[in-house]
Amino acid sequence: MKGGDPAYAFGPVPSRRLGRSLGINNIPAKFCTYSCVYCQVGRTTALRKIRSSFYDPECIVGEVRARVQKARDDGEPIDYLTIVPDGDPTLDSRLADIIDRLQPLGVPVAVITNGALTGRDDVRDALSGAAWVSLKVDAVQESVWRRINRPHPSLRLSSIQAGMRAFADAFPGRLTTETMLVNGLNDSDTHLRQVAGFLWELAPHTAYLAIPTRPPAEKWVRAPDESRFNRAYQIFFERLPRVEGLTGYEGDAFASTGDAEADILSVTAVHPMRGDAVRALLGKAGAEWAVVDAMVGRGDLAVTEYQGHWFYLRRFHSTNNGGVQQT
């Protein structure tokens, strides 16, 4: 990378979804089809839906190649090359070329996209070259979608949903979805059931439920509380075989360490645990229920009820900027 040129790659960094991920920037910051109210990098400054060529694919791949080689020389693993710029990667008209040029590096390629352009054949074709793709589905009602994602005015939700269905039907890799929950906006039971129904049509390997964990574009944005998140999780789990939470904790999810507190925090950061599951985990570690009582007392765990069962979640801690953070 020469002085003044953009940084095309960053990391590798830890990712709970993708292990050790080397991030790739293929478009300038904030060129996007959406201007989501919760976006951690601020409001979109270039709201567009026309695809363009931004950077020379060989410049991008050259920098990635160098970082991969350095990581290998240092004995540092890379699980995925993840195309995740500060905007939507499918706006890049040369995305297919980039993915194709990355293949010889021998590391699976992932793409995180809002899916707004999946109604286009060329976008679906480009994404089909990746090994792992995440599609954003925050809303299935037009009014809610426009309020939370603030799309380019000429985009239509029905066309996007049709494109996502077509992509899901044909994609040979691992498809996942991500739904960001904003308090009072898209977290009602009725709307969550509608979202879960649409996700069922896509049949993702994993449906991720997220909350804002960094300062959002709009200060009024709030994460739902633990009770509401638990209800969202249970509603999704009624329709979908694999649901996981993205609540800001990057620990070793589901790891069995023998440390009861660490194990409980690890699992409850991914999904709520019923009381009987917590008790079973304690038994494996040779620990007593007093461990859980202490964690609740310190504010590490939240307890909430759903359909006659008590669930335990890693507690969300408020910040002064409208988001939440994990401690």
Protein backbone atom coordinates (compact mmCIF):
# COMPACT_ATOMS: atom_id res chain seq x y z
CA MET A 1 0.00 0.00 0.00
CA LYS A 2 1.46 3.35 -1.03
CA GLY A 3 1.11 6.54 1.00
CA GLY A 4 -2.33 8.04 0.48
CA ASP A 5 -3.82 4.80 -0.85
CA PRO A 6 -6.70 3.20 1.05
CA ALA A 7 -6.07 0.26 3.35
CA TYR A 8 -7.59 -2.70 1.54
CA ALA A 9 -7.15 -5.23 4.33
CA PHE A 10 -7.09 -5.37 8.12
CA GLY A 11 -6.45 -8.02 10.71
CA PRO A 12 -6.66 -10.90 11.15
CA VAL A 13 -9.10 -10.16 13.97
CA PRO A 14 -11.19 -12.46 16.18
CA SER A 15 -14.75 -13.07 14.98
CA ARG A 16 -17.20 -15.25 16.85
CA ARG A 17 -18.91 -16.16 13.59
CA LEU A 18 -15.78 -16.73 11.52
CA GLY A 19 -12.92 -17.50 13.88
CA ARG A 20 -9.80 -15.59 12.76
CA SER A 21 -10.91 -13.25 10.01
CA LEU A 22 -8.84 -11.09 7.65
CA GLY A 23 -11.08 -8.16 6.71
CA ILE A 24 -11.16 -6.70 3.22
CA ASN A 25 -12.28 -3.20 2.17
CA ASN A 26 -13.44 -3.25 -1.46
CA ILE A 27 -15.30 0.08 -1.53
CA PRO A 28 -14.77 3.56 0.00
CA ALA A 29 -16.27 4.16 3.43
CA LYS A 30 -20.01 4.80 3.65
CA PHE A 31 -20.96 3.98 0.06
CA CYS A 32 -24.06 2.00 0.84
CA THR A 33 -27.58 1.12 -0.26
CA TYR A 34 -28.76 1.67 3.33
CA SER A 35 -28.24 4.26 6.02
CA CYS A 36 -29.14 2.14 9.05
CA VAL A 37 -30.07 4.00 12.22
CA TYR A 38 -27.78 1.74 14.27
CA CYS A 39 -24.72 1.80 11.99
CA GLN A 40 -21.52 1.87 14.04
CA VAL A 41 -19.65 3.93 11.42
CA GLY A 42 -22.24 6.70 11.23
CA ARG A 43 -24.70 7.89 8.64
CA THR A 44 -24.22 6.94 5.00
CA THR A 45 -22.63 9.78 3.05
CA ALA A 46 -23.05 8.21 -0.40
CA LEU A 47 -26.47 6.54 -0.54
CA ARG A 48 -26.64 4.74 -3.85
CA LYS A 49 -27.76 1.58 -5.61
CA ILE A 50 -25.78 1.81 -8.86
CA ARG A 51 -22.83 -0.56 -8.92
CA SER A 52 -19.41 0.92 -9.73
CA SER A 53 -15.76 -0.09 -9.97
CA PHE A 54 -13.92 1.52 -7.06
CA TYR A 55 -10.48 -0.10 -6.69
CA ASP A 56 -8.27 -2.26 -8.89
CA PRO A 57 -8.97 -5.86 -7.81
CA GLU A 58 -5.28 -6.74 -8.13
CA CYS A 59 -4.33 -3.96 -5.68
CA ILE A 60 -6.81 -5.40 -3.17
CA VAL A 61 -5.73 -8.99 -3.70
CA GLY A 62 -2.05 -8.03 -3.65
CA GLU A 63 -2.38 -6.51 -0.18
CA VAL A 64 -4.42 -9.47 1.05
CA ARG A 65 -1.86 -11.87 -0.37
CA ALA A 66 0.92 -10.10 1.53
CA ARG A 67 -1.02 -10.20 4.80
CA VAL A 68 -1.84 -13.88 4.37
CA GLN A 69 1.81 -14.69 3.76
CA LYS A 70 2.90 -12.69 6.81
CA ALA A 71 0.32 -14.45 8.97
CA ARG A 72 1.57 -17.81 7.74
CA ASP A 73 5.16 -16.83 8.39
CA ASP A 74 4.19 -15.81 11.92
CA GLY A 75 2.23 -19.01 12.50
CA GLU A 76 -1.01 -17.03 12.85
CA PRO A 77 -4.13 -18.82 11.53
CA ILE A 78 -6.66 -17.20 9.21
CA ASP A 79 -10.02 -18.97 8.92
CA TYR A 80 -11.72 -16.61 6.46
CA LEU A 81 -10.99 -13.74 4.12
CA THR A 82 -14.00 -11.54 4.88
CA ILE A 83 -15.20 -8.85 2.50
CA VAL A 84 -16.76 -6.42 4.96
CA PRO A 85 -16.19 -2.73 4.08
CA ASP A 86 -17.80 0.28 5.76
CA GLY A 87 -20.69 0.08 3.34
CA ASP A 88 -22.21 -2.65 1.20
CA PRO A 89 -19.67 -4.75 -0.75
CA THR A 90 -22.10 -5.65 -3.54
CA LEU A 91 -21.95 -2.06 -4.81
CA ASP A 92 -18.58 -3.07 -6.24
CA SER A 93 -19.14 -4.12 -9.86
CA ARG A 94 -15.88 -6.11 -9.73
CA LEU A 95 -16.79 -8.12 -6.64
CA ALA A 96 -16.90 -11.39 -8.61
CA ASP A 97 -13.41 -10.71 -9.97
CA ILE A 98 -12.07 -10.03 -6.47
CA ILE A 99 -13.56 -13.23 -5.07
CA ASP A 100 -12.19 -15.22 -7.99
CA ARG A 101 -8.67 -13.77 -7.55
CA LEU A 102 -8.73 -14.58 -3.81
CA GLN A 103 -9.40 -18.29 -4.36
CA PRO A 104 -5.75 -19.30 -5.04
CA LEU A 105 -4.80 -18.09 -1.55
CA GLY A 106 -6.46 -21.22 -0.19
CA VAL A 107 -8.55 -19.46 2.47
CA PRO A 108 -12.38 -19.50 2.31
CA VAL A 109 -13.98 -16.20 1.30
CA ALA A 110 -16.86 -14.71 3.31
CA VAL A 111 -19.05 -11.75 2.37
CA ILE A 112 -21.18 -9.75 4.81
CA THR A 113 -23.87 -7.82 2.93
CA ASN A 114 -27.23 -6.22 3.60
CA GLY A 115 -28.56 -8.12 0.58
CA ALA A 116 -30.29 -5.06 -0.87
CA LEU A 117 -29.02 -5.81 -4.39
CA THR A 118 -29.69 -9.55 -4.44
CA GLY A 119 -32.55 -8.89 -6.84
CA ARG A 120 -29.84 -8.50 -9.51
CA ASP A 121 -28.57 -11.56 -11.35
CA ASP A 122 -25.00 -10.23 -11.45
CA VAL A 123 -24.95 -9.68 -7.68
CA ARG A 124 -26.24 -13.19 -6.96
CA ASP A 125 -23.67 -14.59 -9.37
CA ALA A 126 -20.86 -12.64 -7.66
CA LEU A 127 -21.88 -13.80 -4.18
CA SER A 128 -22.12 -17.41 -5.35
CA GLY A 129 -18.32 -17.53 -5.54
CA ALA A 130 -17.99 -17.07 -1.78
CA ALA A 131 -17.92 -19.92 0.72
CA TRP A 132 -19.94 -18.06 3.39
CA VAL A 133 -22.45 -15.23 2.99
CA SER A 134 -24.41 -13.24 5.57
CA LEU A 135 -27.62 -11.45 4.55
CA LYS A 136 -29.15 -8.74 6.71
CA VAL A 137 -32.87 -9.12 7.50
CA ASP A 138 -33.95 -6.54 10.08
CA ALA A 139 -37.54 -6.14 8.92
CA VAL A 140 -40.18 -7.64 6.66
CA GLN A 141 -42.71 -4.81 6.91
CA GLU A 142 -42.06 -2.00 4.44
CA SER A 143 -42.64 0.77 6.98
CA VAL A 144 -40.35 -0.79 9.60
CA TRP A 145 -37.69 -1.53 6.98
CA ARG A 146 -37.66 2.07 5.79
CA ARG A 147 -37.39 3.40 9.31
CA ILE A 148 -34.61 1.11 10.55
CA ASN A 149 -32.53 0.61 7.38
CA ARG A 150 -33.36 3.90 5.59
CA PRO A 151 -32.72 2.41 2.13
CA HIS A 152 -32.11 4.19 -1.16
CA PRO A 153 -35.57 5.57 -2.03
CA SER A 154 -35.89 3.57 -5.24
CA LEU A 155 -35.33 0.21 -3.54
CA ARG A 156 -38.35 -2.01 -2.84
CA LEU A 157 -38.47 -4.54 -0.04
CA SER A 158 -40.52 -7.05 -2.06
CA SER A 159 -37.83 -7.15 -4.78
CA ILE A 160 -35.09 -7.60 -2.19
CA GLN A 161 -36.94 -10.47 -0.54
CA ALA A 162 -37.45 -12.15 -3.92
CA GLY A 163 -33.73 -11.77 -4.62
CA MET A 164 -32.82 -13.27 -1.26
CA ARG A 165 -35.08 -16.25 -1.90
CA ALA A 166 -33.50 -16.80 -5.32
CA PHE A 167 -30.01 -16.54 -3.87
CA ALA A 168 -30.77 -18.89 -0.97
CA ASP A 169 -32.20 -21.49 -3.36
CA ALA A 170 -29.06 -21.54 -5.51
CA PHE A 171 -26.17 -20.71 -3.16
CA PRO A 172 -23.85 -23.72 -2.75
CA GLY A 173 -22.00 -22.33 0.29
CA ARG A 174 -23.00 -21.60 3.88
CA LEU A 175 -25.77 -19.00 4.16
CA THR A 176 -26.36 -17.08 7.39
CA THR A 177 -28.60 -14.16 8.27
CA GLU A 178 -28.30 -11.30 10.75
CA THR A 179 -31.15 -9.42 12.38
CA MET A 180 -30.30 -6.31 14.40
CA LEU A 181 -32.83 -5.57 17.13
CA VAL A 182 -33.64 -1.95 18.01
CA ASN A 183 -35.81 -1.31 21.03
CA GLY A 184 -39.36 -0.31 20.11
CA LEU A 185 -38.71 -0.49 16.38
CA ASN A 186 -38.49 -4.07 15.14
CA ASP A 187 -38.67 -6.13 18.34
CA SER A 188 -42.41 -6.71 18.81
CA ASP A 189 -43.60 -10.32 18.98
CA THR A 190 -45.72 -9.90 15.85
CA HIS A 191 -42.91 -8.50 13.76
CA LEU A 192 -40.37 -11.02 15.06
CA ARG A 193 -42.65 -13.89 14.07
CA GLN A 194 -42.95 -12.42 10.58
CA VAL A 195 -39.17 -12.09 10.30
CA ALA A 196 -38.69 -15.65 11.53
CA GLY A 197 -41.20 -16.85 8.94
CA PHE A 198 -39.26 -15.18 6.13
CA LEU A 199 -35.96 -16.54 7.43
CA TRP A 200 -37.49 -20.01 7.47
CA GLU A 201 -38.00 -19.61 3.72
CA LEU A 202 -34.29 -18.83 3.30
CA ALA A 203 -33.26 -21.82 5.46
CA PRO A 204 -29.99 -20.29 6.72
CA HIS A 205 -27.42 -22.46 8.43
CA THR A 206 -27.50 -19.97 11.33
CA ALA A 207 -29.80 -17.03 12.04
CA TYR A 208 -27.95 -14.44 14.14
CA LEU A 209 -29.73 -12.03 16.44
CA ALA A 210 -27.74 -8.88 17.16
CA ILE A 211 -28.04 -5.77 19.30
CA PRO A 212 -26.24 -2.42 18.91
CA THR A 213 -22.94 -2.75 20.75
CA ARG A 214 -21.15 0.42 19.59
CA PRO A 215 -22.23 4.06 19.29
CA PRO A 216 -25.04 4.11 16.68
CA ALA A 217 -25.62 6.59 13.86
CA GLU A 218 -28.68 7.95 15.67
CA LYS A 219 -28.46 8.74 19.39
CA TRP A 220 -32.04 7.64 20.06
CA VAL A 221 -31.25 4.03 19.14
CA ARG A 222 -31.44 1.63 22.09
CA ALA A 223 -30.89 -2.08 22.42
CA PRO A 224 -33.77 -4.16 23.79
CA ASP A 225 -33.39 -5.39 27.35
CA GLU A 226 -32.55 -8.99 28.22
CA SER A 227 -36.20 -10.00 28.56
CA ARG A 228 -37.07 -8.74 25.09
CA PHE A 229 -33.94 -10.33 23.60
CA ASN A 230 -34.88 -13.63 25.20
CA ARG A 231 -38.37 -13.45 23.69
CA ALA A 232 -36.86 -12.69 20.28
CA TYR A 233 -34.54 -15.66 20.59
CA GLN A 234 -37.34 -18.02 21.59
CA ILE A 235 -39.60 -16.80 18.76
CA PHE A 236 -36.83 -17.39 16.22
CA PHE A 237 -35.99 -20.78 17.70
CA GLU A 238 -39.59 -21.92 17.23
CA ARG A 239 -39.11 -21.68 13.44
CA LEU A 240 -35.37 -21.97 12.86
CA PRO A 241 -33.03 -24.85 13.73
CA ARG A 242 -29.98 -22.78 14.70
CA VAL A 243 -30.16 -19.33 16.30
CA GLU A 244 -27.26 -17.49 17.92
CA GLY A 245 -26.91 -14.12 19.59
CA LEU A 246 -24.37 -11.44 18.74
CA THR A 247 -24.27 -9.33 21.88
CA GLY A 248 -20.72 -8.08 21.85
CA TYR A 249 -18.91 -10.91 23.63
CA GLU A 250 -16.11 -12.52 21.62
CA GLY A 251 -15.31 -15.34 24.05
CA ASP A 252 -14.92 -19.02 23.31
CA ALA A 253 -18.59 -19.84 22.87
CA PHE A 254 -19.56 -23.30 24.12
CA ALA A 255 -16.05 -24.02 25.35
CA SER A 256 -15.84 -26.36 28.32
CA THR A 257 -13.06 -25.06 30.52
CA GLY A 258 -13.98 -26.49 33.88
CA ASP A 259 -14.49 -22.91 35.09
CA ALA A 260 -18.26 -22.73 35.70
CA GLU A 261 -18.47 -18.93 35.55
CA ALA A 262 -16.46 -18.67 32.34
CA ASP A 263 -18.49 -21.43 30.70
CA ILE A 264 -21.84 -19.89 31.66
CA LEU A 265 -20.79 -16.45 30.40
CA SER A 266 -19.51 -17.99 27.18
CA VAL A 267 -22.72 -19.85 26.41
CA THR A 268 -25.18 -17.15 27.55
CA ALA A 269 -23.44 -14.62 25.30
CA VAL A 270 -24.58 -16.77 22.37
CA HIS A 271 -28.05 -17.81 23.48
CA PRO A 272 -30.26 -17.84 26.60
CA MET A 273 -29.91 -20.93 28.76
CA ARG A 274 -32.80 -22.57 30.56
CA GLY A 275 -32.30 -23.18 34.26
CA ASP A 276 -32.00 -26.94 33.82
CA ALA A 277 -29.25 -26.47 31.21
CA VAL A 278 -27.36 -24.16 33.57
CA ARG A 279 -27.64 -26.73 36.32
CA ALA A 280 -26.31 -29.45 34.01
CA LEU A 281 -23.34 -27.27 33.04
CA LEU A 282 -22.62 -26.62 36.71
CA GLY A 283 -22.66 -30.35 37.33
CA LYS A 284 -20.00 -30.93 34.67
CA ALA A 285 -17.77 -28.38 36.39
CA GLY A 286 -18.49 -29.77 39.87
CA ALA A 287 -19.96 -26.40 40.93
CA GLU A 288 -22.98 -25.45 43.03
CA TRP A 289 -25.93 -23.18 42.21
CA ALA A 290 -24.40 -20.55 44.49
CA VAL A 291 -22.13 -19.68 41.54
CA VAL A 292 -25.17 -18.59 39.54
CA ASP A 293 -26.65 -16.66 42.44
CA ALA A 294 -23.37 -14.77 42.80
CA MET A 295 -23.27 -13.96 39.07
CA VAL A 296 -26.83 -12.65 39.17
CA GLY A 297 -26.02 -10.64 42.28
CA ARG A 298 -23.00 -9.02 40.60
CA GLY A 299 -25.03 -8.18 37.51
CA ASP A 300 -23.17 -10.59 35.21
CA LEU A 301 -26.32 -12.59 34.46
CA ALA A 302 -29.91 -11.55 33.85
CA VAL A 303 -32.86 -13.82 34.60
CA THR A 304 -36.05 -13.68 32.55
CA GLU A 305 -39.11 -15.88 32.03
CA TYR A 306 -40.59 -17.21 28.80
CA GLN A 307 -43.47 -19.69 28.45
CA GLY A 308 -43.13 -21.01 31.98
CA HIS A 309 -39.36 -21.42 32.01
CA TRP A 310 -36.61 -19.29 33.53
CA PHE A 311 -33.78 -18.32 31.20
CA TYR A 312 -30.34 -16.91 31.99
CA LEU A 313 -28.58 -14.40 29.71
CA ARG A 314 -25.30 -12.58 29.86
CA ARG A 315 -26.39 -9.11 30.96
CA PHE A 316 -26.26 -6.16 28.58
CA HIS A 317 -24.55 -3.14 30.18
CA SER A 318 -25.64 0.32 29.07
CA THR A 319 -23.23 2.93 27.78
CA ASN A 320 -23.73 6.68 27.62
CA ASN A 321 -24.04 6.70 23.84
CA GLY A 322 -27.16 4.69 23.26
CA GLY A 323 -25.48 1.37 22.56
CA VAL A 324 -24.60 -1.43 24.94
CA GLN A 325 -21.36 -3.09 25.77
CA GLN A 326 -20.36 -6.41 27.26
CA THR A 327 -18.10 -6.35 30.30
